[in-house]
Amino acid sequence: MIALGYLFQRWRRLDIAPVVDVTFYVASPLLVFSSLASRSLSAQLYLVVVAAATVIAVSAAVSYAAFRGLGAREVAARVLPVAFMNSGNMGIPVCALAFGPLGLASASLYFVTTNILTNTLGILIAAGEARSLRGAAAQVLRLPHVYAALLGVSVSTFSLTVPTPIATAADLVGQAAIPMLLISLGAKLADPGGRGQTRPALASSAMRIGLGFLLGYGSAILLGLEGPVRGTVVVESSMPSAVMSFILSQKYGEGSALVAQTVIVSTLLSFATTPLILAAL
């Protein structure tokens, strides 16, 4: 599906922004809602939020210390793609296909946590100054996935009944999110930006996947997560760099070409590492 999106974009060169908007603001929030509302939520699922926040925070701290210690340039452009993983476009589909409905619900909570931290901690890293967080709370309040998750958790917790037409519509549109997330990722990878920075991008990519795996596995063990929930945390934590990290670097900071190359390199690298991680799990 990623290859399909890549080839289609290379062939047609279309503006995929409207497709991305529909997927982000309509389909994927409904996927989050339906996956959480349709099942009984255990304490393990709520610990996914803690695991996701831990992996992101520690990844940011470790990579920042490492790159600063090595005297690397464009530190923010190196830290962003290490700290923030593609928990949406790749993480949700992989976990849904590998671990079933429980994996989808876990991945949805992981994705919502990533979204919130991307629009707060991510902005701080990209801009490198505290005043860059001004208005970050307002940005979080504009994220539809936050409301979808809260609504889905409320329906499950209080055993509310969703009218059948609404539940059916949410489920059908939500199912469209998984292929569209992957196809839109492939279309984004058709952008050749960031050429000539393969070596530093490879270093950040290796850290994103390798460090993410170690932190995801460690946090899952420490929090006592088991089964599909543990698998989801490990897989999500090992995902390649988020496309959103490129957007943040372009909007608030510098080194966007390096971030773009890291997104591409880490995604290609994950085609080899993700099956290995799944086999190990």
Protein backbone atom coordinates (compact mmCIF):
# COMPACT_ATOMS: atom_id res chain seq x y z
CA MET A 1 0.00 0.00 0.00
CA ILE A 2 2.91 2.35 0.69
CA ALA A 3 4.40 1.44 -2.69
CA LEU A 4 1.03 2.07 -4.33
CA GLY A 5 0.91 5.59 -2.91
CA TYR A 6 4.52 6.24 -3.95
CA LEU A 7 4.00 5.05 -7.53
CA PHE A 8 0.70 6.89 -7.91
CA GLN A 9 2.25 10.16 -6.76
CA ARG A 10 5.23 9.70 -9.10
CA TRP A 11 2.82 9.07 -11.96
CA ARG A 12 0.16 11.73 -11.36
CA ARG A 13 1.95 14.32 -9.19
CA LEU A 14 -1.31 15.28 -7.50
CA ASP A 15 -1.85 17.59 -4.56
CA ILE A 16 -2.52 15.05 -1.80
CA ALA A 17 -3.20 17.69 0.85
CA PRO A 18 -7.02 17.25 0.67
CA VAL A 19 -6.66 13.46 1.00
CA VAL A 20 -4.34 13.89 3.99
CA ASP A 21 -6.79 16.35 5.58
CA VAL A 22 -9.76 13.98 5.20
CA THR A 23 -7.70 11.11 6.60
CA PHE A 24 -6.35 13.15 9.52
CA TYR A 25 -9.49 15.08 10.49
CA VAL A 26 -12.21 12.54 9.66
CA ALA A 27 -11.16 8.94 9.02
CA SER A 28 -8.42 8.41 11.61
CA PRO A 29 -10.33 10.10 14.50
CA LEU A 30 -13.29 7.83 13.74
CA LEU A 31 -10.93 4.86 13.72
CA VAL A 32 -9.68 5.90 17.17
CA PHE A 33 -13.25 6.35 18.43
CA SER A 34 -14.63 3.06 17.10
CA SER A 35 -11.61 1.04 18.28
CA LEU A 36 -11.93 2.36 21.85
CA ALA A 37 -15.74 2.49 22.10
CA SER A 38 -16.24 -1.08 20.93
CA ARG A 39 -14.29 -2.82 23.68
CA SER A 40 -13.90 -2.96 27.46
CA LEU A 41 -10.78 -0.97 28.38
CA SER A 42 -8.39 -2.59 30.86
CA ALA A 43 -5.84 -0.90 33.09
CA GLN A 44 -3.13 -2.13 30.71
CA LEU A 45 -4.51 0.03 27.93
CA TYR A 46 -4.24 3.18 30.02
CA LEU A 47 -0.60 2.32 30.77
CA VAL A 48 0.07 2.57 27.02
CA VAL A 49 -0.16 6.35 27.46
CA VAL A 50 2.54 6.23 30.15
CA ALA A 51 4.75 4.01 27.98
CA ALA A 52 4.40 6.27 24.93
CA ALA A 53 5.21 9.43 26.90
CA THR A 54 8.22 7.72 28.50
CA VAL A 55 9.64 6.50 25.18
CA ILE A 56 9.30 9.93 23.56
CA ALA A 57 10.73 11.90 26.50
CA VAL A 58 13.71 9.58 27.03
CA SER A 59 14.41 9.37 23.28
CA ALA A 60 14.52 13.17 23.10
CA ALA A 61 16.79 13.46 26.16
CA VAL A 62 19.23 10.72 25.10
CA SER A 63 19.51 11.87 21.48
CA TYR A 64 19.96 15.50 22.54
CA ALA A 65 22.74 14.58 24.94
CA ALA A 66 24.42 12.33 22.37
CA PHE A 67 24.38 14.81 19.50
CA ARG A 68 25.41 17.73 21.71
CA GLY A 69 28.24 15.65 23.13
CA LEU A 70 29.46 14.79 19.65
CA GLY A 71 29.36 18.44 18.63
CA ALA A 72 26.90 17.79 15.81
CA ARG A 73 25.33 20.65 13.92
CA GLU A 74 21.57 21.11 13.51
CA VAL A 75 20.89 19.30 16.78
CA ALA A 76 17.14 19.97 16.66
CA ALA A 77 16.95 18.48 13.16
CA ARG A 78 18.58 15.33 14.53
CA VAL A 79 16.57 15.06 17.75
CA LEU A 80 13.09 15.59 16.25
CA PRO A 81 13.06 12.49 14.02
CA VAL A 82 14.54 10.39 16.85
CA ALA A 83 12.02 11.49 19.47
CA PHE A 84 8.84 11.24 17.41
CA MET A 85 7.81 8.06 15.65
CA ASN A 86 5.31 7.39 12.89
CA SER A 87 2.72 5.94 15.24
CA GLY A 88 -0.13 6.84 12.88
CA ASN A 89 0.58 6.14 9.21
CA MET A 90 2.58 2.99 9.94
CA GLY A 91 2.06 2.18 13.61
CA ILE A 92 -1.73 1.85 13.61
CA PRO A 93 -1.99 -0.36 10.49
CA VAL A 94 0.88 -2.64 11.54
CA CYS A 95 -0.47 -3.12 15.08
CA ALA A 96 -4.03 -3.63 13.83
CA LEU A 97 -2.91 -6.31 11.37
CA ALA A 98 -0.48 -7.98 13.77
CA PHE A 99 -2.39 -7.87 17.08
CA GLY A 100 -6.06 -7.53 16.14
CA PRO A 101 -8.68 -5.30 17.82
CA LEU A 102 -6.75 -5.01 21.10
CA GLY A 103 -3.67 -3.97 19.16
CA LEU A 104 -5.71 -1.36 17.30
CA ALA A 105 -7.09 0.09 20.55
CA SER A 106 -3.61 0.18 22.11
CA ALA A 107 -2.12 1.77 19.00
CA SER A 108 -4.88 4.40 18.99
CA LEU A 109 -3.97 5.50 22.53
CA TYR A 110 -0.28 5.48 21.66
CA PHE A 111 -1.00 7.63 18.60
CA VAL A 112 -3.08 10.16 20.55
CA THR A 113 -0.29 10.51 23.12
CA THR A 114 2.25 11.02 20.35
CA ASN A 115 0.04 13.67 18.76
CA ILE A 116 -0.22 15.67 21.96
CA LEU A 117 3.52 15.55 22.68
CA THR A 118 4.40 16.38 19.07
CA ASN A 119 2.41 19.60 19.30
CA THR A 120 3.98 20.60 22.63
CA LEU A 121 7.41 19.08 23.23
CA GLY A 122 8.01 18.87 19.49
CA ILE A 123 7.50 22.60 19.01
CA LEU A 124 9.85 23.34 21.89
CA ILE A 125 12.58 21.15 20.36
CA ALA A 126 12.12 22.58 16.87
CA ALA A 127 12.20 26.23 17.92
CA GLY A 128 14.65 25.82 20.79
CA GLU A 129 13.06 28.40 23.05
CA ALA A 130 10.38 28.34 25.75
CA ARG A 131 8.29 31.06 24.20
CA SER A 132 7.70 28.77 21.23
CA LEU A 133 5.22 26.88 23.42
CA ARG A 134 2.92 29.89 23.42
CA GLY A 135 -0.31 28.68 21.91
CA ALA A 136 0.70 25.00 22.12
CA ALA A 137 -2.27 24.25 24.36
CA ALA A 138 -4.57 25.75 21.75
CA GLN A 139 -3.02 23.50 19.10
CA VAL A 140 -3.65 20.43 21.22
CA LEU A 141 -7.28 21.46 21.65
CA ARG A 142 -7.61 21.52 17.86
CA LEU A 143 -6.53 17.88 17.50
CA PRO A 144 -9.62 15.81 16.62
CA HIS A 145 -8.02 12.59 17.87
CA VAL A 146 -8.01 13.89 21.44
CA TYR A 147 -11.79 14.33 21.42
CA ALA A 148 -12.28 11.02 19.57
CA ALA A 149 -10.26 9.20 22.23
CA LEU A 150 -12.07 10.89 25.13
CA LEU A 151 -15.44 10.10 23.56
CA GLY A 152 -14.47 6.48 22.84
CA VAL A 153 -13.17 5.97 26.39
CA SER A 154 -16.36 7.51 27.81
CA VAL A 155 -18.59 5.21 25.76
CA SER A 156 -16.62 2.16 26.90
CA THR A 157 -16.25 3.17 30.56
CA PHE A 158 -19.90 4.08 31.11
CA SER A 159 -21.28 1.33 28.81
CA LEU A 160 -23.12 3.85 26.65
CA THR A 161 -25.04 2.71 23.61
CA VAL A 162 -24.13 4.39 20.33
CA PRO A 163 -27.04 4.50 17.84
CA THR A 164 -26.51 1.88 15.16
CA PRO A 165 -26.41 4.30 12.17
CA ILE A 166 -23.73 6.40 13.88
CA ALA A 167 -21.72 3.37 15.01
CA THR A 168 -21.88 1.81 11.53
CA ALA A 169 -20.84 5.04 9.81
CA ALA A 170 -17.96 5.60 12.24
CA ASP A 171 -16.75 2.03 11.77
CA LEU A 172 -16.91 2.15 7.95
CA VAL A 173 -15.16 5.50 7.63
CA GLY A 174 -12.63 4.49 10.28
CA GLN A 175 -11.74 1.35 8.32
CA ALA A 176 -10.80 3.58 5.39
CA ALA A 177 -8.13 5.25 7.53
CA ILE A 178 -5.71 2.31 7.54
CA PRO A 179 -5.16 2.04 3.76
CA MET A 180 -5.29 5.82 3.35
CA LEU A 181 -2.66 6.36 6.06
CA LEU A 182 -0.30 4.01 4.22
CA ILE A 183 -1.07 5.36 0.74
CA SER A 184 -0.57 8.96 1.87
CA LEU A 185 2.75 7.98 3.49
CA GLY A 186 3.89 6.50 0.18
CA ALA A 187 2.88 9.70 -1.61
CA LYS A 188 4.90 11.78 0.87
CA LEU A 189 7.94 9.58 0.32
CA ALA A 190 7.80 10.46 -3.40
CA ASP A 191 9.12 13.90 -2.46
CA PRO A 192 12.89 13.73 -3.04
CA GLY A 193 13.72 16.48 -0.50
CA GLY A 194 16.81 16.23 1.66
CA ARG A 195 19.17 14.56 -0.79
CA GLY A 196 22.86 14.58 0.04
CA GLN A 197 22.43 14.07 3.79
CA THR A 198 22.20 10.30 3.86
CA ARG A 199 24.97 9.67 6.43
CA PRO A 200 23.58 11.85 9.27
CA ALA A 201 20.08 10.70 8.36
CA LEU A 202 21.18 7.09 8.69
CA ALA A 203 22.58 7.76 12.16
CA SER A 204 19.34 9.36 13.34
CA SER A 205 17.31 6.58 11.71
CA ALA A 206 19.28 3.86 13.45
CA MET A 207 18.84 5.65 16.77
CA ARG A 208 15.11 6.14 16.19
CA ILE A 209 14.45 2.45 15.58
CA GLY A 210 17.11 0.91 17.83
CA LEU A 211 16.65 3.19 20.83
CA GLY A 212 12.88 3.12 20.37
CA PHE A 213 12.87 -0.68 20.47
CA LEU A 214 14.94 -0.81 23.66
CA LEU A 215 12.85 1.86 25.41
CA GLY A 216 9.57 0.33 24.25
CA TYR A 217 10.54 -3.14 25.43
CA GLY A 218 11.92 -1.83 28.70
CA SER A 219 8.89 0.32 29.49
CA ALA A 220 6.52 -2.53 28.63
CA ILE A 221 8.36 -4.84 31.05
CA LEU A 222 8.50 -2.24 33.84
CA LEU A 223 4.80 -1.44 33.48
CA GLY A 224 3.85 -5.12 33.45
CA LEU A 225 2.27 -5.04 30.00
CA GLU A 226 1.52 -8.39 28.40
CA GLY A 227 0.23 -9.92 25.19
CA PRO A 228 -0.96 -7.69 22.34
CA VAL A 229 -0.64 -4.55 24.49
CA ARG A 230 3.06 -5.23 25.13
CA GLY A 231 3.58 -6.04 21.45
CA THR A 232 1.89 -2.82 20.40
CA VAL A 233 4.07 -0.68 22.68
CA VAL A 234 7.26 -2.34 21.38
CA VAL A 235 6.24 -2.06 17.72
CA GLU A 236 4.98 1.52 17.99
CA SER A 237 8.16 2.56 19.80
CA SER A 238 10.22 1.02 16.98
CA MET A 239 8.44 2.81 14.16
CA PRO A 240 10.37 5.11 11.78
CA SER A 241 10.48 8.89 12.11
CA ALA A 242 7.22 10.81 11.96
CA VAL A 243 6.43 12.93 8.91
CA MET A 244 5.21 15.55 11.39
CA SER A 245 8.80 16.09 12.56
CA PHE A 246 9.60 17.43 9.10
CA ILE A 247 6.64 19.81 9.24
CA LEU A 248 7.76 21.13 12.63
CA SER A 249 11.32 21.69 11.47
CA GLN A 250 10.08 23.50 8.39
CA LYS A 251 7.69 25.71 10.33
CA TYR A 252 9.59 26.49 13.53
CA GLY A 253 13.27 25.64 13.10
CA GLU A 254 15.90 24.70 10.57
CA GLY A 255 17.44 21.60 9.01
CA SER A 256 14.20 20.51 7.38
CA ALA A 257 16.11 18.84 4.52
CA LEU A 258 17.94 16.61 7.01
CA VAL A 259 14.68 15.74 8.76
CA ALA A 260 13.02 14.89 5.43
CA GLN A 261 15.90 12.58 4.52
CA THR A 262 15.73 10.94 7.95
CA VAL A 263 12.01 10.24 7.48
CA ILE A 264 12.72 8.55 4.15
CA VAL A 265 15.77 6.57 5.33
CA SER A 266 14.12 5.41 8.58
CA THR A 267 10.97 4.34 6.72
CA LEU A 268 12.98 2.29 4.23
CA LEU A 269 15.01 0.82 7.10
CA SER A 270 11.82 -0.12 8.94
CA PHE A 271 10.75 -2.35 6.05
CA ALA A 272 13.53 -4.67 7.22
CA THR A 273 13.40 -4.10 10.98
CA THR A 274 9.62 -4.26 11.54
CA PRO A 275 9.23 -7.88 10.31
CA LEU A 276 12.19 -8.89 12.48
CA ILE A 277 10.63 -7.24 15.55
CA LEU A 278 7.27 -8.87 14.85
CA ALA A 279 8.94 -12.26 14.45
CA ALA A 280 10.77 -11.80 17.73
CA LEU A 281 7.53 -10.86 19.51
